[in-house]
Amino acid sequence: MSEECCSITQNSSKRNCPVNGIKGKSVKTITLKSLLKPKALETLNSQTNYFFCDSIDCPVVYFNEQGQTFIVDEVKVPVFPKAQGGQVPVCYCFNWTRDRIRQEIQQTNHSTAESSIRTHIQAGRCGCEVNNPQGSCCLANVRQQAKSYLGRRVYQ
């Protein structure tokens, strides 16, 4: 993957999740091909647009304009932000989990996650479109997670 990985502009087309009605974010088919379990992958329609539902309370991860859905159990990895555990990746390429970010903040009072990831991006190592269920760069999620821990000073 190139340095462009985390500067990719996703298709701005948005559709509403057929389960909760919230607008989803366009995601490339390669993301679904990489992350769907085989049984779900067998039903993928590569000729349609898919969207990511980031609502925590909704079991749908991906949906298309025809109302087809893929739920959490049909994805190979835990889906941030839907899965709430500490071992859930916030950055799928370089294994920055909630726990890893929290523990670093607990020990050092700051997070190096974002700068570490940026270094990998500049070296052409990220693969967000095939590793991250959201199909896009994780930096906003990493920044938000670190800010949340720093702001609350939660050290569980």
N, C-alpha and C. Protein backbone atom coordinates (compact mmCIF):
# COMPACT_ATOMS: atom_id res chain seq x y z
N MET A 1 0.84 -1.17 0.00
CA MET A 1 0.00 0.00 0.00
C MET A 1 0.89 1.24 0.00
N SER A 2 0.40 2.28 -0.55
CA SER A 2 1.20 3.48 -0.68
C SER A 2 0.86 4.49 0.40
N GLU A 3 1.60 5.58 0.38
CA GLU A 3 1.36 6.67 1.31
C GLU A 3 -0.05 7.22 1.14
N GLU A 4 -0.65 6.97 -0.02
CA GLU A 4 -1.98 7.46 -0.31
C GLU A 4 -3.06 6.72 0.48
N CYS A 5 -2.69 5.61 1.09
CA CYS A 5 -3.66 4.77 1.78
C CYS A 5 -4.56 5.57 2.70
N CYS A 6 -3.97 6.39 3.52
CA CYS A 6 -4.76 7.14 4.50
C CYS A 6 -5.17 8.51 3.99
N SER A 7 -5.02 8.74 2.71
CA SER A 7 -5.53 9.97 2.13
C SER A 7 -6.54 9.67 1.04
N ILE A 8 -6.92 8.39 0.94
CA ILE A 8 -7.90 7.98 -0.05
C ILE A 8 -9.23 8.66 0.24
N THR A 9 -9.80 9.25 -0.76
CA THR A 9 -11.12 9.84 -0.61
C THR A 9 -12.12 8.80 -1.06
N GLN A 10 -12.92 8.35 -0.12
CA GLN A 10 -13.93 7.36 -0.45
C GLN A 10 -15.02 8.01 -1.29
N ASN A 11 -15.71 7.19 -2.05
CA ASN A 11 -16.88 7.64 -2.79
C ASN A 11 -17.81 8.32 -1.80
N SER A 12 -18.22 9.52 -2.09
CA SER A 12 -19.03 10.28 -1.15
C SER A 12 -20.49 9.81 -1.11
N SER A 13 -20.82 8.85 -1.94
CA SER A 13 -22.17 8.32 -1.97
C SER A 13 -22.51 7.68 -0.62
N LYS A 14 -23.65 8.03 -0.09
CA LYS A 14 -24.08 7.45 1.18
C LYS A 14 -25.50 6.93 1.03
N ARG A 15 -25.75 5.81 1.64
CA ARG A 15 -27.07 5.22 1.66
C ARG A 15 -27.42 4.88 3.11
N ASN A 16 -28.66 4.64 3.35
CA ASN A 16 -29.11 4.35 4.71
C ASN A 16 -29.13 2.85 4.97
N CYS A 17 -28.68 2.47 6.15
CA CYS A 17 -28.70 1.08 6.59
C CYS A 17 -30.15 0.61 6.62
N PRO A 18 -30.44 -0.55 6.04
CA PRO A 18 -31.81 -1.04 6.02
C PRO A 18 -32.33 -1.46 7.40
N VAL A 19 -31.46 -1.61 8.38
CA VAL A 19 -31.89 -2.02 9.71
C VAL A 19 -32.15 -0.82 10.61
N ASN A 20 -31.22 0.15 10.65
CA ASN A 20 -31.40 1.27 11.59
C ASN A 20 -31.63 2.61 10.90
N GLY A 21 -31.52 2.66 9.59
CA GLY A 21 -31.79 3.89 8.85
C GLY A 21 -30.68 4.93 8.87
N ILE A 22 -29.58 4.64 9.51
CA ILE A 22 -28.46 5.57 9.60
C ILE A 22 -27.63 5.50 8.32
N LYS A 23 -27.14 6.65 7.88
CA LYS A 23 -26.35 6.69 6.66
C LYS A 23 -25.05 5.91 6.83
N GLY A 24 -24.75 5.11 5.80
CA GLY A 24 -23.51 4.35 5.79
C GLY A 24 -22.47 5.03 4.92
N LYS A 25 -21.22 4.61 5.10
CA LYS A 25 -20.12 5.17 4.33
C LYS A 25 -19.73 4.17 3.24
N SER A 26 -19.54 4.67 2.03
CA SER A 26 -19.16 3.81 0.92
C SER A 26 -17.87 3.06 1.23
N VAL A 27 -17.84 1.79 0.87
CA VAL A 27 -16.66 0.97 1.09
C VAL A 27 -16.39 0.17 -0.18
N LYS A 28 -15.11 0.00 -0.49
CA LYS A 28 -14.74 -0.71 -1.71
C LYS A 28 -15.03 -2.21 -1.57
N THR A 29 -15.33 -2.82 -2.68
CA THR A 29 -15.62 -4.27 -2.70
C THR A 29 -14.43 -5.08 -2.21
N ILE A 30 -13.21 -4.62 -2.43
CA ILE A 30 -12.01 -5.34 -1.98
C ILE A 30 -12.03 -5.53 -0.47
N THR A 31 -12.60 -4.59 0.24
CA THR A 31 -12.69 -4.70 1.70
C THR A 31 -13.56 -5.89 2.08
N LEU A 32 -14.71 -5.99 1.45
CA LEU A 32 -15.61 -7.11 1.73
C LEU A 32 -14.97 -8.43 1.31
N LYS A 33 -14.33 -8.45 0.15
CA LYS A 33 -13.68 -9.67 -0.32
C LYS A 33 -12.60 -10.13 0.65
N SER A 34 -11.94 -9.20 1.29
CA SER A 34 -10.87 -9.53 2.23
C SER A 34 -11.38 -9.97 3.59
N LEU A 35 -12.51 -9.44 4.01
CA LEU A 35 -12.92 -9.61 5.41
C LEU A 35 -14.17 -10.44 5.66
N LEU A 36 -14.94 -10.74 4.62
CA LEU A 36 -16.11 -11.58 4.83
C LEU A 36 -15.70 -13.04 4.98
N LYS A 37 -16.41 -13.75 5.84
CA LYS A 37 -16.19 -15.19 5.97
C LYS A 37 -16.65 -15.85 4.68
N PRO A 38 -16.10 -17.02 4.36
CA PRO A 38 -16.39 -17.66 3.06
C PRO A 38 -17.87 -17.79 2.73
N LYS A 39 -18.69 -18.22 3.66
CA LYS A 39 -20.12 -18.41 3.39
C LYS A 39 -20.78 -17.09 2.97
N ALA A 40 -20.43 -16.02 3.65
CA ALA A 40 -20.97 -14.70 3.31
C ALA A 40 -20.41 -14.21 1.97
N LEU A 41 -19.13 -14.46 1.76
CA LEU A 41 -18.48 -14.03 0.52
C LEU A 41 -19.15 -14.65 -0.70
N GLU A 42 -19.67 -15.86 -0.54
CA GLU A 42 -20.36 -16.53 -1.65
C GLU A 42 -21.58 -15.76 -2.13
N THR A 43 -22.12 -14.87 -1.31
CA THR A 43 -23.32 -14.13 -1.69
C THR A 43 -23.02 -12.68 -2.10
N LEU A 44 -21.76 -12.29 -2.07
CA LEU A 44 -21.36 -10.93 -2.44
C LEU A 44 -21.73 -10.65 -3.90
N ASN A 45 -22.31 -9.51 -4.13
CA ASN A 45 -22.61 -9.06 -5.49
C ASN A 45 -21.57 -8.01 -5.86
N SER A 46 -20.57 -8.40 -6.60
CA SER A 46 -19.47 -7.49 -6.91
C SER A 46 -19.87 -6.38 -7.89
N GLN A 47 -21.09 -6.41 -8.38
CA GLN A 47 -21.56 -5.41 -9.33
C GLN A 47 -22.36 -4.30 -8.67
N THR A 48 -22.37 -4.26 -7.35
CA THR A 48 -23.14 -3.23 -6.65
C THR A 48 -22.26 -2.49 -5.66
N ASN A 49 -22.73 -1.37 -5.18
CA ASN A 49 -22.01 -0.58 -4.18
C ASN A 49 -22.38 -1.06 -2.78
N TYR A 50 -21.37 -1.11 -1.91
CA TYR A 50 -21.59 -1.48 -0.52
C TYR A 50 -21.24 -0.32 0.39
N PHE A 51 -21.84 -0.36 1.57
CA PHE A 51 -21.68 0.70 2.55
C PHE A 51 -21.40 0.09 3.92
N PHE A 52 -20.68 0.83 4.75
CA PHE A 52 -20.34 0.41 6.10
C PHE A 52 -21.26 1.12 7.09
N CYS A 53 -21.88 0.34 7.98
CA CYS A 53 -22.72 0.91 9.05
C CYS A 53 -21.87 0.93 10.32
N ASP A 54 -21.58 2.12 10.83
CA ASP A 54 -20.72 2.22 12.01
C ASP A 54 -21.49 2.35 13.32
N SER A 55 -22.80 2.19 13.26
CA SER A 55 -23.61 2.30 14.47
C SER A 55 -23.30 1.14 15.42
N ILE A 56 -22.95 1.47 16.64
CA ILE A 56 -22.57 0.48 17.65
C ILE A 56 -23.71 -0.49 17.94
N ASP A 57 -24.93 0.01 17.91
CA ASP A 57 -26.09 -0.79 18.28
C ASP A 57 -26.67 -1.63 17.16
N CYS A 58 -26.10 -1.56 15.97
CA CYS A 58 -26.65 -2.27 14.82
C CYS A 58 -25.75 -3.46 14.47
N PRO A 59 -26.34 -4.63 14.23
CA PRO A 59 -25.53 -5.80 13.88
C PRO A 59 -25.00 -5.77 12.45
N VAL A 60 -25.53 -4.87 11.61
CA VAL A 60 -25.12 -4.79 10.22
C VAL A 60 -23.75 -4.11 10.13
N VAL A 61 -22.86 -4.75 9.39
CA VAL A 61 -21.55 -4.15 9.11
C VAL A 61 -21.58 -3.55 7.71
N TYR A 62 -22.02 -4.34 6.73
CA TYR A 62 -22.08 -3.89 5.34
C TYR A 62 -23.49 -4.07 4.79
N PHE A 63 -23.86 -3.18 3.89
CA PHE A 63 -25.15 -3.32 3.19
C PHE A 63 -25.00 -2.71 1.81
N ASN A 64 -25.91 -3.11 0.91
CA ASN A 64 -25.89 -2.52 -0.43
C ASN A 64 -27.21 -1.82 -0.71
N GLU A 65 -27.30 -1.22 -1.87
CA GLU A 65 -28.48 -0.44 -2.24
C GLU A 65 -29.72 -1.31 -2.41
N GLN A 66 -29.53 -2.61 -2.61
CA GLN A 66 -30.66 -3.52 -2.78
C GLN A 66 -31.15 -4.08 -1.44
N GLY A 67 -30.51 -3.69 -0.34
CA GLY A 67 -30.93 -4.14 0.98
C GLY A 67 -30.22 -5.38 1.49
N GLN A 68 -29.26 -5.91 0.74
CA GLN A 68 -28.48 -7.04 1.22
C GLN A 68 -27.61 -6.57 2.38
N THR A 69 -27.50 -7.39 3.41
CA THR A 69 -26.68 -7.03 4.56
C THR A 69 -25.70 -8.14 4.92
N PHE A 70 -24.62 -7.75 5.52
CA PHE A 70 -23.67 -8.66 6.14
C PHE A 70 -23.51 -8.19 7.58
N ILE A 71 -23.69 -9.12 8.51
CA ILE A 71 -23.69 -8.76 9.92
C ILE A 71 -22.34 -9.10 10.57
N VAL A 72 -22.19 -8.67 11.80
CA VAL A 72 -20.96 -8.83 12.57
C VAL A 72 -20.43 -10.26 12.51
N ASP A 73 -21.29 -11.24 12.67
CA ASP A 73 -20.87 -12.64 12.68
C ASP A 73 -20.35 -13.14 11.34
N GLU A 74 -20.55 -12.37 10.28
CA GLU A 74 -20.10 -12.77 8.94
C GLU A 74 -18.76 -12.15 8.56
N VAL A 75 -18.15 -11.43 9.50
CA VAL A 75 -16.87 -10.78 9.26
C VAL A 75 -15.80 -11.53 10.05
N LYS A 76 -14.63 -11.68 9.44
CA LYS A 76 -13.54 -12.48 10.02
C LYS A 76 -12.92 -11.88 11.28
N VAL A 77 -13.04 -10.59 11.48
CA VAL A 77 -12.39 -9.90 12.59
C VAL A 77 -13.42 -9.13 13.41
N PRO A 78 -13.11 -8.83 14.68
CA PRO A 78 -14.01 -7.97 15.44
C PRO A 78 -14.05 -6.58 14.78
N VAL A 79 -15.21 -5.99 14.74
CA VAL A 79 -15.39 -4.74 14.00
C VAL A 79 -15.41 -3.55 14.95
N PHE A 80 -14.40 -2.69 14.81
CA PHE A 80 -14.39 -1.42 15.53
C PHE A 80 -15.32 -0.48 14.77
N PRO A 81 -16.24 0.18 15.38
CA PRO A 81 -16.47 0.37 16.79
C PRO A 81 -17.53 -0.55 17.40
N LYS A 82 -18.06 -1.48 16.63
CA LYS A 82 -19.15 -2.33 17.11
C LYS A 82 -18.74 -3.24 18.26
N ALA A 83 -17.60 -3.89 18.14
CA ALA A 83 -17.10 -4.77 19.20
C ALA A 83 -16.45 -3.89 20.27
N GLN A 84 -16.80 -4.12 21.51
CA GLN A 84 -16.38 -3.21 22.58
C GLN A 84 -15.19 -3.69 23.42
N GLY A 85 -14.66 -4.86 23.17
CA GLY A 85 -13.59 -5.39 24.00
C GLY A 85 -12.28 -4.62 23.86
N GLY A 86 -11.42 -4.78 24.86
CA GLY A 86 -10.14 -4.11 24.88
C GLY A 86 -9.17 -4.62 23.83
N GLN A 87 -9.35 -5.87 23.40
CA GLN A 87 -8.45 -6.46 22.40
C GLN A 87 -8.90 -6.18 20.96
N VAL A 88 -9.97 -5.43 20.80
CA VAL A 88 -10.45 -5.07 19.46
C VAL A 88 -9.48 -4.08 18.84
N PRO A 89 -9.02 -4.35 17.63
CA PRO A 89 -8.12 -3.40 16.98
C PRO A 89 -8.81 -2.07 16.69
N VAL A 90 -8.06 -1.01 16.93
CA VAL A 90 -8.46 0.31 16.47
C VAL A 90 -7.71 0.54 15.15
N CYS A 91 -6.47 0.04 15.09
CA CYS A 91 -5.66 0.01 13.87
C CYS A 91 -5.42 -1.46 13.53
N TYR A 92 -5.98 -1.91 12.44
CA TYR A 92 -5.90 -3.31 12.04
C TYR A 92 -4.56 -3.66 11.40
N CYS A 93 -3.90 -2.70 10.82
CA CYS A 93 -2.63 -2.98 10.14
C CYS A 93 -1.49 -3.19 11.12
N PHE A 94 -1.47 -2.43 12.21
CA PHE A 94 -0.33 -2.45 13.12
C PHE A 94 -0.72 -2.79 14.56
N ASN A 95 -1.88 -3.41 14.71
CA ASN A 95 -2.34 -3.98 15.98
C ASN A 95 -2.37 -3.01 17.14
N TRP A 96 -2.85 -1.82 16.91
CA TRP A 96 -3.10 -0.90 18.01
C TRP A 96 -4.52 -1.17 18.49
N THR A 97 -4.63 -1.87 19.60
CA THR A 97 -5.92 -2.19 20.20
C THR A 97 -6.29 -1.13 21.22
N ARG A 98 -7.53 -1.17 21.69
CA ARG A 98 -7.94 -0.26 22.76
C ARG A 98 -7.03 -0.45 23.97
N ASP A 99 -6.79 -1.72 24.34
CA ASP A 99 -5.94 -1.98 25.51
C ASP A 99 -4.52 -1.45 25.32
N ARG A 100 -3.96 -1.65 24.15
CA ARG A 100 -2.58 -1.20 23.91
C ARG A 100 -2.49 0.32 24.03
N ILE A 101 -3.45 1.03 23.45
CA ILE A 101 -3.47 2.49 23.55
C ILE A 101 -3.65 2.91 25.01
N ARG A 102 -4.60 2.30 25.69
CA ARG A 102 -4.87 2.65 27.09
C ARG A 102 -3.66 2.38 27.97
N GLN A 103 -3.04 1.22 27.80
CA GLN A 103 -1.88 0.86 28.62
C GLN A 103 -0.71 1.81 28.40
N GLU A 104 -0.48 2.19 27.15
CA GLU A 104 0.60 3.14 26.89
C GLU A 104 0.32 4.47 27.57
N ILE A 105 -0.91 4.94 27.50
CA ILE A 105 -1.27 6.20 28.15
C ILE A 105 -1.13 6.07 29.66
N GLN A 106 -1.53 4.94 30.19
CA GLN A 106 -1.41 4.71 31.64
C GLN A 106 0.06 4.76 32.08
N GLN A 107 0.94 4.20 31.27
CA GLN A 107 2.36 4.13 31.63
C GLN A 107 3.13 5.41 31.33
N THR A 108 2.75 6.13 30.27
CA THR A 108 3.57 7.27 29.84
C THR A 108 2.83 8.61 29.82
N ASN A 109 1.53 8.58 30.03
CA ASN A 109 0.67 9.76 29.99
C ASN A 109 0.54 10.38 28.60
N HIS A 110 0.88 9.60 27.57
CA HIS A 110 0.64 10.03 26.18
C HIS A 110 0.58 8.79 25.29
N SER A 111 0.19 9.01 24.05
CA SER A 111 0.08 7.91 23.09
C SER A 111 0.97 8.18 21.89
N THR A 112 1.70 7.15 21.48
CA THR A 112 2.52 7.23 20.27
C THR A 112 1.84 6.53 19.10
N ALA A 113 0.63 6.05 19.31
CA ALA A 113 -0.06 5.27 18.29
C ALA A 113 -0.15 6.02 16.96
N GLU A 114 -0.65 7.24 16.99
CA GLU A 114 -0.84 7.97 15.74
C GLU A 114 0.49 8.23 15.02
N SER A 115 1.51 8.65 15.74
CA SER A 115 2.79 8.92 15.09
C SER A 115 3.42 7.63 14.57
N SER A 116 3.27 6.55 15.30
CA SER A 116 3.79 5.26 14.85
C SER A 116 3.11 4.83 13.55
N ILE A 117 1.80 4.95 13.51
CA ILE A 117 1.04 4.57 12.32
C ILE A 117 1.42 5.46 11.14
N ARG A 118 1.56 6.77 11.39
CA ARG A 118 1.95 7.69 10.32
C ARG A 118 3.32 7.30 9.72
N THR A 119 4.24 6.87 10.57
CA THR A 119 5.55 6.43 10.09
C THR A 119 5.40 5.23 9.16
N HIS A 120 4.54 4.29 9.54
CA HIS A 120 4.29 3.12 8.69
C HIS A 120 3.61 3.52 7.38
N ILE A 121 2.70 4.47 7.45
CA ILE A 121 2.02 4.94 6.24
C ILE A 121 3.04 5.54 5.28
N GLN A 122 3.91 6.38 5.80
CA GLN A 122 4.93 7.02 4.97
C GLN A 122 5.87 6.00 4.34
N ALA A 123 6.06 4.86 5.02
CA ALA A 123 6.92 3.80 4.49
C ALA A 123 6.15 2.89 3.53
N GLY A 124 4.87 3.20 3.30
CA GLY A 124 4.07 2.42 2.35
C GLY A 124 3.62 1.07 2.87
N ARG A 125 3.42 0.96 4.18
CA ARG A 125 3.10 -0.33 4.78
C ARG A 125 1.62 -0.53 5.13
N CYS A 126 0.81 0.49 5.07
CA CYS A 126 -0.58 0.29 5.53
C CYS A 126 -1.42 -0.39 4.44
N GLY A 127 -2.42 -1.10 4.89
CA GLY A 127 -3.33 -1.81 3.99
C GLY A 127 -4.76 -1.68 4.49
N CYS A 128 -5.15 -0.47 4.77
CA CYS A 128 -6.46 -0.21 5.38
C CYS A 128 -7.63 -0.82 4.60
N GLU A 129 -7.57 -0.72 3.27
CA GLU A 129 -8.70 -1.19 2.47
C GLU A 129 -8.90 -2.69 2.54
N VAL A 130 -7.88 -3.44 2.97
CA VAL A 130 -8.04 -4.89 3.08
C VAL A 130 -7.98 -5.39 4.52
N ASN A 131 -7.54 -4.57 5.45
CA ASN A 131 -7.44 -4.98 6.86
C ASN A 131 -8.51 -4.38 7.76
N ASN A 132 -8.89 -3.15 7.50
CA ASN A 132 -9.83 -2.44 8.36
C ASN A 132 -11.26 -2.65 7.82
N PRO A 133 -12.16 -3.18 8.63
CA PRO A 133 -13.54 -3.38 8.16
C PRO A 133 -14.20 -2.11 7.63
N GLN A 134 -13.75 -0.95 8.09
CA GLN A 134 -14.30 0.30 7.58
C GLN A 134 -13.78 0.62 6.19
N GLY A 135 -12.73 -0.08 5.77
CA GLY A 135 -12.19 0.10 4.43
C GLY A 135 -11.44 1.39 4.23
N SER A 136 -11.12 2.07 5.31
CA SER A 136 -10.46 3.36 5.21
C SER A 136 -9.46 3.52 6.35
N CYS A 137 -8.75 4.60 6.32
CA CYS A 137 -7.70 4.87 7.30
C CYS A 137 -8.26 4.90 8.73
N CYS A 138 -7.47 4.36 9.64
CA CYS A 138 -7.86 4.26 11.04
C CYS A 138 -7.47 5.47 11.87
N LEU A 139 -6.71 6.41 11.33
CA LEU A 139 -6.14 7.46 12.16
C LEU A 139 -7.17 8.26 12.95
N ALA A 140 -8.31 8.55 12.38
CA ALA A 140 -9.34 9.28 13.12
C ALA A 140 -9.82 8.47 14.32
N ASN A 141 -9.98 7.15 14.15
CA ASN A 141 -10.40 6.29 15.25
C ASN A 141 -9.32 6.23 16.32
N VAL A 142 -8.07 6.11 15.91
CA VAL A 142 -6.95 6.04 16.85
C VAL A 142 -6.86 7.34 17.64
N ARG A 143 -6.95 8.45 16.94
CA ARG A 143 -6.90 9.78 17.59
C ARG A 143 -8.04 9.92 18.60
N GLN A 144 -9.24 9.52 18.20
CA GLN A 144 -10.41 9.63 19.08
C GLN A 144 -10.25 8.74 20.30
N GLN A 145 -9.75 7.54 20.10
CA GLN A 145 -9.60 6.60 21.22
C GLN A 145 -8.56 7.12 22.21
N ALA A 146 -7.42 7.59 21.71
CA ALA A 146 -6.39 8.14 22.59
C ALA A 146 -6.89 9.37 23.33
N LYS A 147 -7.58 10.24 22.62
CA LYS A 147 -8.13 11.45 23.24
C LYS A 147 -9.12 11.09 24.34
N SER A 148 -9.93 10.07 24.08
CA SER A 148 -10.90 9.63 25.07
C SER A 148 -10.20 9.15 26.35
N TYR A 149 -9.16 8.34 26.19
CA TYR A 149 -8.43 7.85 27.36
C TYR A 149 -7.69 8.97 28.07
N LEU A 150 -7.08 9.87 27.31
CA LEU A 150 -6.37 10.99 27.92
C LEU A 150 -7.33 11.90 28.65
N GLY A 151 -8.48 12.15 28.05
CA GLY A 151 -9.47 13.05 28.65
C GLY A 151 -10.08 12.49 29.92
N ARG A 152 -10.29 11.20 29.95
CA ARG A 152 -10.93 10.58 31.11
C ARG A 152 -9.93 10.06 32.12
N ARG A 153 -8.69 9.88 31.66
CA ARG A 153 -7.66 9.30 32.52
C ARG A 153 -8.16 7.98 33.12
N VAL A 154 -8.77 7.18 32.23
CA VAL A 154 -9.31 5.89 32.65
C VAL A 154 -8.22 4.84 32.50
N TYR A 155 -7.84 4.26 33.57
CA TYR A 155 -6.79 3.24 33.56
C TYR A 155 -7.35 1.98 34.18
N GLN A 156 -8.00 1.21 33.36
CA GLN A 156 -8.64 -0.01 33.86
C GLN A 156 -7.67 -1.16 33.85
